[in-house]
Amino acid sequence: MATIIDGKLTSKNTRQRIAEKTQELIKRTGVKPGLAVIIVGEDPASQVYVRNKKNGCAEVGFYSREYALPEATTQEALLRLISELNSDDAIHGILVQLPLPEHIDENAVIQAIASEKDVDAFGYASVGKIMIGKYDFLPCTPAGVMELLRAYGIDPAGKNAVVVGRSNIVGKPQAMLLLHANATVTITHSRTADLADITRKADILVVAIGKPKFITADMVKEGAVVIDVGMNRTPEGLCGDVDFAEVEKKASFITPVPGGVGPMTITMLLSNTLTAAETFADKK
């Protein structure tokens, strides 16, 4: 049976370190990390995420500001707000909760955030820096995965790593981070032929496709490390992209859903915001 990778415990330990560094920064420079979170519309899942981010800021001693804008907010109004926050010295990180209403160009909004405040690491500058390995911030979910691997002493160097999914938010940056950690990386997706043949060769398998229990035990190598990024709401409750009950019997390590990668995502957002505040303080 696999060792369960406890995201809640790792998140708690990481947040404790962030809180300690935050107090040191405030004492040394007077700069208190500040995060602005913008939500447009009434999406219930987004509201939960925003509340969790606000609570996370309070837990580690950050200053936070929430902007809850109506669904009918224009793109121009949203871009004006981002422009104001870009020049606000009390705010070191800006996050726009996705998805946005259909009348707003998501990409235009993401690119409007100043690169030094792009704590989601979605902007072109951040993506380019991740590609060459000279980054300021990392996308929060892939960074959380790497933190979990470190916490459990799993070194990707020399391992075959397979990423299932090629999204800009998880799949592609996850592959880059594993590559920077000296793994040999394969990215698979909906057009991949003979997917199971590829996943069975993985020493480290990261799954992020949004299909409940898609990865079954026969698709997993004996002793593999299995990281399930999926979060699917089903009539039976929350589940991941991996058939946990069966795959757990074959894997050496596995993340549960919930309680695996999920808790790390907001924690890494806090880590990015602290980094942004430290950079700002150093330039004062």
C-alpha atoms as a PDB file:
ATOM      1  CA  MET A   1       0.000   0.000   0.000  1.00  0.00           C
ATOM      2  CA  ALA A   2       1.175   3.489  -0.858  1.00  0.00           C
ATOM      3  CA  THR A   3       2.293   6.163   1.572  1.00  0.00           C
ATOM      4  CA  ILE A   4      -0.372   8.883   1.563  1.00  0.00           C
ATOM      5  CA  ILE A   5       1.097  12.314   0.761  1.00  0.00           C
ATOM      6  CA  ASP A   6      -0.568  14.630   3.276  1.00  0.00           C
ATOM      7  CA  GLY A   7      -1.130  18.010   1.634  1.00  0.00           C
ATOM      8  CA  LYS A   8      -2.814  19.464   4.712  1.00  0.00           C
ATOM      9  CA  LEU A   9       0.186  18.773   6.943  1.00  0.00           C
ATOM     10  CA  THR A  10       2.715  19.989   4.346  1.00  0.00           C
ATOM     11  CA  SER A  11       0.616  23.117   3.785  1.00  0.00           C
ATOM     12  CA  LYS A  12       0.465  23.787   7.529  1.00  0.00           C
ATOM     13  CA  ASN A  13       4.242  23.457   7.891  1.00  0.00           C
ATOM     14  CA  THR A  14       4.880  25.654   4.845  1.00  0.00           C
ATOM     15  CA  ARG A  15       2.486  28.348   6.076  1.00  0.00           C
ATOM     16  CA  GLN A  16       4.249  28.376   9.431  1.00  0.00           C
ATOM     17  CA  ARG A  17       7.531  29.143   7.651  1.00  0.00           C
ATOM     18  CA  ILE A  18       5.819  31.863   5.586  1.00  0.00           C
ATOM     19  CA  ALA A  19       4.380  33.434   8.758  1.00  0.00           C
ATOM     20  CA  GLU A  20       7.828  33.479  10.405  1.00  0.00           C
ATOM     21  CA  LYS A  21       9.453  35.066   7.335  1.00  0.00           C
ATOM     22  CA  THR A  22       6.621  37.612   7.147  1.00  0.00           C
ATOM     23  CA  GLN A  23       7.255  38.758  10.720  1.00  0.00           C
ATOM     24  CA  GLU A  24      10.983  39.011   9.970  1.00  0.00           C
ATOM     25  CA  LEU A  25      10.276  41.121   6.870  1.00  0.00           C
ATOM     26  CA  ILE A  26       7.935  43.476   8.738  1.00  0.00           C
ATOM     27  CA  LYS A  27      10.434  43.854  11.584  1.00  0.00           C
ATOM     28  CA  ARG A  28      13.376  44.430   9.229  1.00  0.00           C
ATOM     29  CA  THR A  29      11.781  46.695   6.602  1.00  0.00           C
ATOM     30  CA  GLY A  30       8.296  47.727   7.760  1.00  0.00           C
ATOM     31  CA  VAL A  31       6.830  46.119   4.637  1.00  0.00           C
ATOM     32  CA  LYS A  32       3.768  43.932   5.231  1.00  0.00           C
ATOM     33  CA  PRO A  33       2.974  41.634   2.294  1.00  0.00           C
ATOM     34  CA  GLY A  34      -0.263  42.714   0.614  1.00  0.00           C
ATOM     35  CA  LEU A  35      -2.489  40.672  -1.693  1.00  0.00           C
ATOM     36  CA  ALA A  36      -5.423  42.026  -3.722  1.00  0.00           C
ATOM     37  CA  VAL A  37      -7.980  39.475  -4.918  1.00  0.00           C
ATOM     38  CA  ILE A  38     -10.537  40.474  -7.558  1.00  0.00           C
ATOM     39  CA  ILE A  39     -13.665  38.421  -8.225  1.00  0.00           C
ATOM     40  CA  VAL A  40     -16.195  39.297 -10.934  1.00  0.00           C
ATOM     41  CA  GLY A  41     -19.650  37.751 -10.666  1.00  0.00           C
ATOM     42  CA  GLU A  42     -21.317  35.308  -8.313  1.00  0.00           C
ATOM     43  CA  ASP A  43     -19.712  31.947  -9.132  1.00  0.00           C
ATOM     44  CA  PRO A  44     -20.086  29.901  -5.891  1.00  0.00           C
ATOM     45  CA  ALA A  45     -16.845  27.924  -6.333  1.00  0.00           C
ATOM     46  CA  SER A  46     -14.901  31.141  -6.986  1.00  0.00           C
ATOM     47  CA  GLN A  47     -16.389  32.705  -3.853  1.00  0.00           C
ATOM     48  CA  VAL A  48     -15.140  29.756  -1.787  1.00  0.00           C
ATOM     49  CA  TYR A  49     -11.637  30.092  -3.270  1.00  0.00           C
ATOM     50  CA  VAL A  50     -11.576  33.840  -2.568  1.00  0.00           C
ATOM     51  CA  ARG A  51     -12.679  33.283   1.041  1.00  0.00           C
ATOM     52  CA  ASN A  52      -9.948  30.669   1.493  1.00  0.00           C
ATOM     53  CA  LYS A  53      -7.344  33.071   0.101  1.00  0.00           C
ATOM     54  CA  LYS A  54      -8.501  35.800   2.476  1.00  0.00           C
ATOM     55  CA  ASN A  55      -8.296  33.389   5.432  1.00  0.00           C
ATOM     56  CA  GLY A  56      -4.838  32.245   4.291  1.00  0.00           C
ATOM     57  CA  CYS A  57      -3.592  35.853   4.268  1.00  0.00           C
ATOM     58  CA  ALA A  58      -4.855  36.389   7.809  1.00  0.00           C
ATOM     59  CA  GLU A  59      -3.214  33.164   8.967  1.00  0.00           C
ATOM     60  CA  VAL A  60       0.299  34.181   7.849  1.00  0.00           C
ATOM     61  CA  GLY A  61       0.036  37.868   8.772  1.00  0.00           C
ATOM     62  CA  PHE A  62      -0.544  39.429   5.333  1.00  0.00           C
ATOM     63  CA  TYR A  63      -2.607  42.480   4.475  1.00  0.00           C
ATOM     64  CA  SER A  64      -5.390  41.526   2.053  1.00  0.00           C
ATOM     65  CA  ARG A  65      -7.945  43.388   0.008  1.00  0.00           C
ATOM     66  CA  GLU A  66     -10.927  41.848  -1.745  1.00  0.00           C
ATOM     67  CA  TYR A  67     -12.752  43.421  -4.673  1.00  0.00           C
ATOM     68  CA  ALA A  68     -16.115  41.724  -5.356  1.00  0.00           C
ATOM     69  CA  LEU A  69     -17.342  43.199  -8.639  1.00  0.00           C
ATOM     70  CA  PRO A  70     -20.779  42.604 -10.221  1.00  0.00           C
ATOM     71  CA  GLU A  71     -21.187  40.291 -13.211  1.00  0.00           C
ATOM     72  CA  ALA A  72     -21.907  43.281 -15.471  1.00  0.00           C
ATOM     73  CA  THR A  73     -18.548  44.954 -14.742  1.00  0.00           C
ATOM     74  CA  THR A  74     -16.959  46.085 -18.024  1.00  0.00           C
ATOM     75  CA  GLN A  75     -13.520  45.009 -19.150  1.00  0.00           C
ATOM     76  CA  GLU A  76     -12.456  48.665 -19.130  1.00  0.00           C
ATOM     77  CA  ALA A  77     -13.474  49.072 -15.477  1.00  0.00           C
ATOM     78  CA  LEU A  78     -11.608  45.905 -14.499  1.00  0.00           C
ATOM     79  CA  LEU A  79      -8.473  47.024 -16.356  1.00  0.00           C
ATOM     80  CA  ARG A  80      -8.663  50.419 -14.629  1.00  0.00           C
ATOM     81  CA  LEU A  81      -8.745  48.729 -11.224  1.00  0.00           C
ATOM     82  CA  ILE A  82      -5.750  46.547 -12.117  1.00  0.00           C
ATOM     83  CA  SER A  83      -3.852  49.647 -13.279  1.00  0.00           C
ATOM     84  CA  GLU A  84      -4.519  51.339  -9.932  1.00  0.00           C
ATOM     85  CA  LEU A  85      -3.348  48.256  -8.018  1.00  0.00           C
ATOM     86  CA  ASN A  86      -0.212  48.025 -10.179  1.00  0.00           C
ATOM     87  CA  SER A  87       0.902  51.369  -8.745  1.00  0.00           C
ATOM     88  CA  ASP A  88      -0.298  50.756  -5.159  1.00  0.00           C
ATOM     89  CA  ASP A  89       2.738  50.204  -2.901  1.00  0.00           C
ATOM     90  CA  ALA A  90       0.620  48.446  -0.237  1.00  0.00           C
ATOM     91  CA  ILE A  91      -0.233  45.682  -2.724  1.00  0.00           C
ATOM     92  CA  HIS A  92       2.525  43.249  -3.762  1.00  0.00           C
ATOM     93  CA  GLY A  93       0.395  40.566  -5.400  1.00  0.00           C
ATOM     94  CA  ILE A  94      -2.668  40.861  -7.640  1.00  0.00           C
ATOM     95  CA  LEU A  95      -4.907  37.900  -8.340  1.00  0.00           C
ATOM     96  CA  VAL A  96      -7.960  37.906 -10.607  1.00  0.00           C
ATOM     97  CA  GLN A  97     -10.154  34.905  -9.840  1.00  0.00           C
ATOM     98  CA  LEU A  98     -10.910  32.857 -12.957  1.00  0.00           C
ATOM     99  CA  PRO A  99     -13.137  32.165 -14.810  1.00  0.00           C
ATOM    100  CA  LEU A 100     -14.284  35.656 -15.782  1.00  0.00           C
ATOM    101  CA  PRO A 101     -17.661  36.457 -17.394  1.00  0.00           C
ATOM    102  CA  GLU A 102     -17.757  35.784 -21.152  1.00  0.00           C
ATOM    103  CA  HIS A 103     -17.759  39.468 -22.148  1.00  0.00           C
ATOM    104  CA  ILE A 104     -14.306  39.976 -20.592  1.00  0.00           C
ATOM    105  CA  ASP A 105     -11.110  38.940 -22.415  1.00  0.00           C
ATOM    106  CA  GLU A 106      -9.358  36.767 -19.830  1.00  0.00           C
ATOM    107  CA  ASN A 107      -5.978  37.013 -21.512  1.00  0.00           C
ATOM    108  CA  ALA A 108      -6.076  40.830 -21.710  1.00  0.00           C
ATOM    109  CA  VAL A 109      -6.793  40.959 -17.979  1.00  0.00           C
ATOM    110  CA  ILE A 110      -3.991  38.533 -17.073  1.00  0.00           C
ATOM    111  CA  GLN A 111      -1.444  40.437 -19.181  1.00  0.00           C
ATOM    112  CA  ALA A 112      -2.489  43.766 -17.591  1.00  0.00           C
ATOM    113  CA  ILE A 113      -1.125  42.687 -14.189  1.00  0.00           C
ATOM    114  CA  ALA A 114       2.383  44.070 -13.591  1.00  0.00           C
ATOM    115  CA  SER A 115       4.902  41.220 -13.868  1.00  0.00           C
ATOM    116  CA  GLU A 116       6.331  41.966 -10.404  1.00  0.00           C
ATOM    117  CA  LYS A 117       2.816  41.464  -8.940  1.00  0.00           C
ATOM    118  CA  ASP A 118       1.818  38.451 -11.082  1.00  0.00           C
ATOM    119  CA  VAL A 119       1.613  36.013  -8.154  1.00  0.00           C
ATOM    120  CA  ASP A 120      -0.455  33.536 -10.206  1.00  0.00           C
ATOM    121  CA  ALA A 121       2.453  33.453 -12.715  1.00  0.00           C
ATOM    122  CA  PHE A 122       0.103  33.423 -15.713  1.00  0.00           C
ATOM    123  CA  GLY A 123       1.511  36.449 -17.581  1.00  0.00           C
ATOM    124  CA  TYR A 124       3.765  36.099 -20.608  1.00  0.00           C
ATOM    125  CA  ALA A 125       6.831  37.364 -18.715  1.00  0.00           C
ATOM    126  CA  SER A 126       6.308  34.841 -15.914  1.00  0.00           C
ATOM    127  CA  VAL A 127       5.741  31.978 -18.367  1.00  0.00           C
ATOM    128  CA  GLY A 128       8.913  32.849 -20.290  1.00  0.00           C
ATOM    129  CA  LYS A 129      10.979  32.951 -17.104  1.00  0.00           C
ATOM    130  CA  ILE A 130       9.643  29.536 -16.066  1.00  0.00           C
ATOM    131  CA  MET A 131      10.646  28.134 -19.453  1.00  0.00           C
ATOM    132  CA  ILE A 132      14.293  29.134 -18.993  1.00  0.00           C
ATOM    133  CA  GLY A 133      14.350  28.372 -15.262  1.00  0.00           C
ATOM    134  CA  LYS A 134      14.992  31.964 -14.089  1.00  0.00           C
ATOM    135  CA  TYR A 135      11.625  32.604 -12.484  1.00  0.00           C
ATOM    136  CA  ASP A 136      10.381  34.975  -9.790  1.00  0.00           C
ATOM    137  CA  PHE A 137       7.075  33.174  -9.237  1.00  0.00           C
ATOM    138  CA  LEU A 138       5.750  29.722 -10.056  1.00  0.00           C
ATOM    139  CA  PRO A 139       2.160  28.783 -10.937  1.00  0.00           C
ATOM    140  CA  CYS A 140       0.673  27.795  -7.610  1.00  0.00           C
ATOM    141  CA  THR A 141      -0.544  24.246  -8.293  1.00  0.00           C
ATOM    142  CA  PRO A 142       2.633  22.956 -10.024  1.00  0.00           C
ATOM    143  CA  ALA A 143       4.720  24.659  -7.322  1.00  0.00           C
ATOM    144  CA  GLY A 144       2.598  22.879  -4.712  1.00  0.00           C
ATOM    145  CA  VAL A 145       3.290  19.538  -6.385  1.00  0.00           C
ATOM    146  CA  MET A 146       7.045  20.168  -6.286  1.00  0.00           C
ATOM    147  CA  GLU A 147       6.821  21.172  -2.622  1.00  0.00           C
ATOM    148  CA  LEU A 148       5.014  17.910  -1.813  1.00  0.00           C
ATOM    149  CA  LEU A 149       7.709  15.897  -3.606  1.00  0.00           C
ATOM    150  CA  ARG A 150      10.398  17.724  -1.577  1.00  0.00           C
ATOM    151  CA  ALA A 151       8.523  17.226   1.686  1.00  0.00           C
ATOM    152  CA  TYR A 152       8.420  13.458   1.126  1.00  0.00           C
ATOM    153  CA  GLY A 153      12.009  13.150  -0.078  1.00  0.00           C
ATOM    154  CA  ILE A 154      11.051  12.268  -3.657  1.00  0.00           C
ATOM    155  CA  ASP A 155      13.797  13.448  -6.019  1.00  0.00           C
ATOM    156  CA  PRO A 156      12.683  13.637  -9.688  1.00  0.00           C
ATOM    157  CA  ALA A 157      16.304  13.570 -10.968  1.00  0.00           C
ATOM    158  CA  GLY A 158      16.818  10.724 -13.411  1.00  0.00           C
ATOM    159  CA  LYS A 159      13.202   9.549 -13.122  1.00  0.00           C
ATOM    160  CA  ASN A 160      10.684   9.113 -15.913  1.00  0.00           C
ATOM    161  CA  ALA A 161       7.941  11.669 -15.224  1.00  0.00           C
ATOM    162  CA  VAL A 162       4.667  11.620 -17.151  1.00  0.00           C
ATOM    163  CA  VAL A 163       2.236  14.547 -17.021  1.00  0.00           C
ATOM    164  CA  VAL A 164      -1.319  13.806 -18.141  1.00  0.00           C
ATOM    165  CA  GLY A 165      -2.801  17.121 -19.278  1.00  0.00           C
ATOM    166  CA  ARG A 166      -1.366  20.109 -21.156  1.00  0.00           C
ATOM    167  CA  SER A 167      -3.175  23.131 -19.691  1.00  0.00           C
ATOM    168  CA  ASN A 168      -1.349  26.432 -19.350  1.00  0.00           C
ATOM    169  CA  ILE A 169      -2.183  26.497 -15.647  1.00  0.00           C
ATOM    170  CA  VAL A 170      -0.991  23.013 -14.620  1.00  0.00           C
ATOM    171  CA  GLY A 171       0.198  20.600 -17.311  1.00  0.00           C
ATOM    172  CA  LYS A 172       2.737  22.688 -19.236  1.00  0.00           C
ATOM    173  CA  PRO A 173       4.364  24.444 -16.243  1.00  0.00           C
ATOM    174  CA  GLN A 174       4.374  21.175 -14.296  1.00  0.00           C
ATOM    175  CA  ALA A 175       6.374  19.553 -17.081  1.00  0.00           C
ATOM    176  CA  MET A 176       8.857  22.465 -17.023  1.00  0.00           C
ATOM    177  CA  LEU A 177       9.370  22.246 -13.260  1.00  0.00           C
ATOM    178  CA  LEU A 178       9.970  18.492 -13.432  1.00  0.00           C
ATOM    179  CA  LEU A 179      12.406  19.091 -16.295  1.00  0.00           C
ATOM    180  CA  HIS A 180      14.259  21.711 -14.216  1.00  0.00           C
ATOM    181  CA  ALA A 181      14.437  19.075 -11.453  1.00  0.00           C
ATOM    182  CA  ASN A 182      16.252  16.787 -13.941  1.00  0.00           C
ATOM    183  CA  ALA A 183      13.433  14.353 -14.652  1.00  0.00           C
ATOM    184  CA  THR A 184      12.900  12.958 -18.154  1.00  0.00           C
ATOM    185  CA  VAL A 185       9.445  14.323 -18.958  1.00  0.00           C
ATOM    186  CA  THR A 186       6.648  13.174 -21.252  1.00  0.00           C
ATOM    187  CA  ILE A 187       3.498  15.273 -21.691  1.00  0.00           C
ATOM    188  CA  THR A 188       0.355  13.383 -22.680  1.00  0.00           C
ATOM    189  CA  HIS A 189      -3.099  14.679 -23.588  1.00  0.00           C
ATOM    190  CA  SER A 190      -6.414  13.880 -25.281  1.00  0.00           C
ATOM    191  CA  ARG A 191      -4.740  13.124 -28.642  1.00  0.00           C
ATOM    192  CA  THR A 192      -2.050  10.847 -27.216  1.00  0.00           C
ATOM    193  CA  ALA A 193      -2.061   7.369 -28.752  1.00  0.00           C
ATOM    194  CA  ASP A 194      -1.688   4.370 -26.404  1.00  0.00           C
ATOM    195  CA  LEU A 195      -1.830   6.533 -23.281  1.00  0.00           C
ATOM    196  CA  ALA A 196      -1.726   3.573 -20.883  1.00  0.00           C
ATOM    197  CA  ASP A 197       1.527   2.322 -22.445  1.00  0.00           C
ATOM    198  CA  ILE A 198       3.122   5.678 -21.612  1.00  0.00           C
ATOM    199  CA  THR A 199       1.688   6.097 -18.103  1.00  0.00           C
ATOM    200  CA  ARG A 200       2.859   2.581 -17.187  1.00  0.00           C
ATOM    201  CA  LYS A 201       6.464   3.716 -17.743  1.00  0.00           C
ATOM    202  CA  ALA A 202       6.155   6.623 -15.302  1.00  0.00           C
ATOM    203  CA  ASP A 203       8.162   6.667 -12.078  1.00  0.00           C
ATOM    204  CA  ILE A 204       6.303   9.900 -11.278  1.00  0.00           C
ATOM    205  CA  LEU A 205       2.798  10.315 -12.712  1.00  0.00           C
ATOM    206  CA  VAL A 206       1.063  13.716 -12.452  1.00  0.00           C
ATOM    207  CA  VAL A 207      -2.568  13.750 -13.573  1.00  0.00           C
ATOM    208  CA  ALA A 208      -4.484  16.969 -14.312  1.00  0.00           C
ATOM    209  CA  ILE A 209      -7.296  16.432 -16.813  1.00  0.00           C
ATOM    210  CA  GLY A 210     -10.575  16.866 -14.909  1.00  0.00           C
ATOM    211  CA  LYS A 211     -11.983  13.386 -15.575  1.00  0.00           C
ATOM    212  CA  PRO A 212     -13.141  11.463 -12.486  1.00  0.00           C
ATOM    213  CA  LYS A 213     -11.129   8.285 -11.757  1.00  0.00           C
ATOM    214  CA  PHE A 214      -9.722   8.275 -15.301  1.00  0.00           C
ATOM    215  CA  ILE A 215      -6.377   6.712 -14.323  1.00  0.00           C
ATOM    216  CA  THR A 216      -6.948   3.107 -13.297  1.00  0.00           C
ATOM    217  CA  ALA A 217      -4.587   0.632 -11.639  1.00  0.00           C
ATOM    218  CA  ASP A 218      -3.695  -1.095 -14.931  1.00  0.00           C
ATOM    219  CA  MET A 219      -2.321   2.263 -16.205  1.00  0.00           C
ATOM    220  CA  VAL A 220       0.159   2.623 -13.336  1.00  0.00           C
ATOM    221  CA  LYS A 221       3.603   1.108 -12.831  1.00  0.00           C
ATOM    222  CA  GLU A 222       4.225  -0.854  -9.633  1.00  0.00           C
ATOM    223  CA  GLY A 223       5.871   1.499  -7.118  1.00  0.00           C
ATOM    224  CA  ALA A 224       5.122   4.730  -9.013  1.00  0.00           C
ATOM    225  CA  VAL A 225       4.614   8.091  -7.305  1.00  0.00           C
ATOM    226  CA  VAL A 226       1.115   9.249  -8.273  1.00  0.00           C
ATOM    227  CA  ILE A 227       0.127  12.910  -7.951  1.00  0.00           C
ATOM    228  CA  ASP A 228      -3.571  13.574  -8.545  1.00  0.00           C
ATOM    229  CA  VAL A 229      -4.306  17.233  -9.325  1.00  0.00           C
ATOM    230  CA  GLY A 230      -7.935  16.574 -10.306  1.00  0.00           C
ATOM    231  CA  MET A 231     -10.886  17.869  -8.296  1.00  0.00           C
ATOM    232  CA  ASN A 232     -14.195  16.549  -9.578  1.00  0.00           C
ATOM    233  CA  ARG A 233     -17.626  16.943  -8.003  1.00  0.00           C
ATOM    234  CA  THR A 234     -19.660  13.761  -8.451  1.00  0.00           C
ATOM    235  CA  PRO A 235     -22.938  12.491  -6.886  1.00  0.00           C
ATOM    236  CA  GLU A 236     -20.761  10.445  -4.508  1.00  0.00           C
ATOM    237  CA  GLY A 237     -18.729  13.508  -3.492  1.00  0.00           C
ATOM    238  CA  LEU A 238     -15.308  14.902  -4.415  1.00  0.00           C
ATOM    239  CA  CYS A 239     -12.845  12.692  -6.242  1.00  0.00           C
ATOM    240  CA  GLY A 240      -9.695  13.070  -8.288  1.00  0.00           C
ATOM    241  CA  ASP A 241      -8.631  12.011 -11.773  1.00  0.00           C
ATOM    242  CA  VAL A 242      -7.135   8.817 -10.318  1.00  0.00           C
ATOM    243  CA  ASP A 243      -9.038   5.739  -9.084  1.00  0.00           C
ATOM    244  CA  PHE A 244      -7.531   6.169  -5.624  1.00  0.00           C
ATOM    245  CA  ALA A 245      -8.770   2.941  -3.996  1.00  0.00           C
ATOM    246  CA  GLU A 246      -7.213   0.704  -6.661  1.00  0.00           C
ATOM    247  CA  VAL A 247      -4.106   2.736  -7.560  1.00  0.00           C
ATOM    248  CA  GLU A 248      -3.151   3.094  -3.882  1.00  0.00           C
ATOM    249  CA  LYS A 249      -2.437  -0.659  -3.858  1.00  0.00           C
ATOM    250  CA  LYS A 250       0.244  -0.303  -6.573  1.00  0.00           C
ATOM    251  CA  ALA A 251       1.810   3.115  -5.945  1.00  0.00           C
ATOM    252  CA  SER A 252       4.664   3.872  -3.540  1.00  0.00           C
ATOM    253  CA  PHE A 253       3.280   7.363  -2.816  1.00  0.00           C
ATOM    254  CA  ILE A 254      -0.091   8.875  -3.717  1.00  0.00           C
ATOM    255  CA  THR A 255      -1.993  12.112  -3.072  1.00  0.00           C
ATOM    256  CA  PRO A 256      -5.608  11.849  -1.889  1.00  0.00           C
ATOM    257  CA  VAL A 257      -8.482  14.043  -3.100  1.00  0.00           C
ATOM    258  CA  PRO A 258      -9.361  16.068  -1.143  1.00  0.00           C
ATOM    259  CA  GLY A 259      -6.376  16.769   1.112  1.00  0.00           C
ATOM    260  CA  GLY A 260      -3.514  16.271  -1.327  1.00  0.00           C
ATOM    261  CA  VAL A 261      -2.467  18.904  -3.870  1.00  0.00           C
ATOM    262  CA  GLY A 262      -5.447  21.191  -3.148  1.00  0.00           C
ATOM    263  CA  PRO A 263      -4.265  22.656   0.189  1.00  0.00           C
ATOM    264  CA  MET A 264      -0.883  23.487  -1.351  1.00  0.00           C
ATOM    265  CA  THR A 265      -2.252  25.746  -4.104  1.00  0.00           C
ATOM    266  CA  ILE A 266      -3.229  28.691  -1.885  1.00  0.00           C
ATOM    267  CA  THR A 267      -0.143  28.128   0.259  1.00  0.00           C
ATOM    268  CA  MET A 268       2.110  28.615  -2.784  1.00  0.00           C
ATOM    269  CA  LEU A 269       0.131  31.755  -3.686  1.00  0.00           C
ATOM    270  CA  LEU A 270       1.063  33.076  -0.231  1.00  0.00           C
ATOM    271  CA  SER A 271       4.690  32.086  -0.857  1.00  0.00           C
ATOM    272  CA  ASN A 272       4.695  34.019  -4.157  1.00  0.00           C
ATOM    273  CA  THR A 273       3.186  37.083  -2.458  1.00  0.00           C
ATOM    274  CA  LEU A 274       5.875  36.988   0.227  1.00  0.00           C
ATOM    275  CA  THR A 275       8.544  36.797  -2.505  1.00  0.00           C
ATOM    276  CA  ALA A 276       6.975  39.817  -4.242  1.00  0.00           C
ATOM    277  CA  ALA A 277       6.961  41.789  -0.979  1.00  0.00           C
ATOM    278  CA  GLU A 278      10.579  40.885  -0.258  1.00  0.00           C
ATOM    279  CA  THR A 279      11.602  42.066  -3.746  1.00  0.00           C
ATOM    280  CA  PHE A 280       9.693  45.319  -3.247  1.00  0.00           C
ATOM    281  CA  ALA A 281      11.343  45.868   0.149  1.00  0.00           C
ATOM    282  CA  ASP A 282      14.810  45.280  -1.294  1.00  0.00           C
ATOM    283  CA  LYS A 283      14.206  47.978  -3.933  1.00  0.00           C
ATOM    284  CA  LYS A 284      12.971  50.604  -1.444  1.00  0.00           C
END
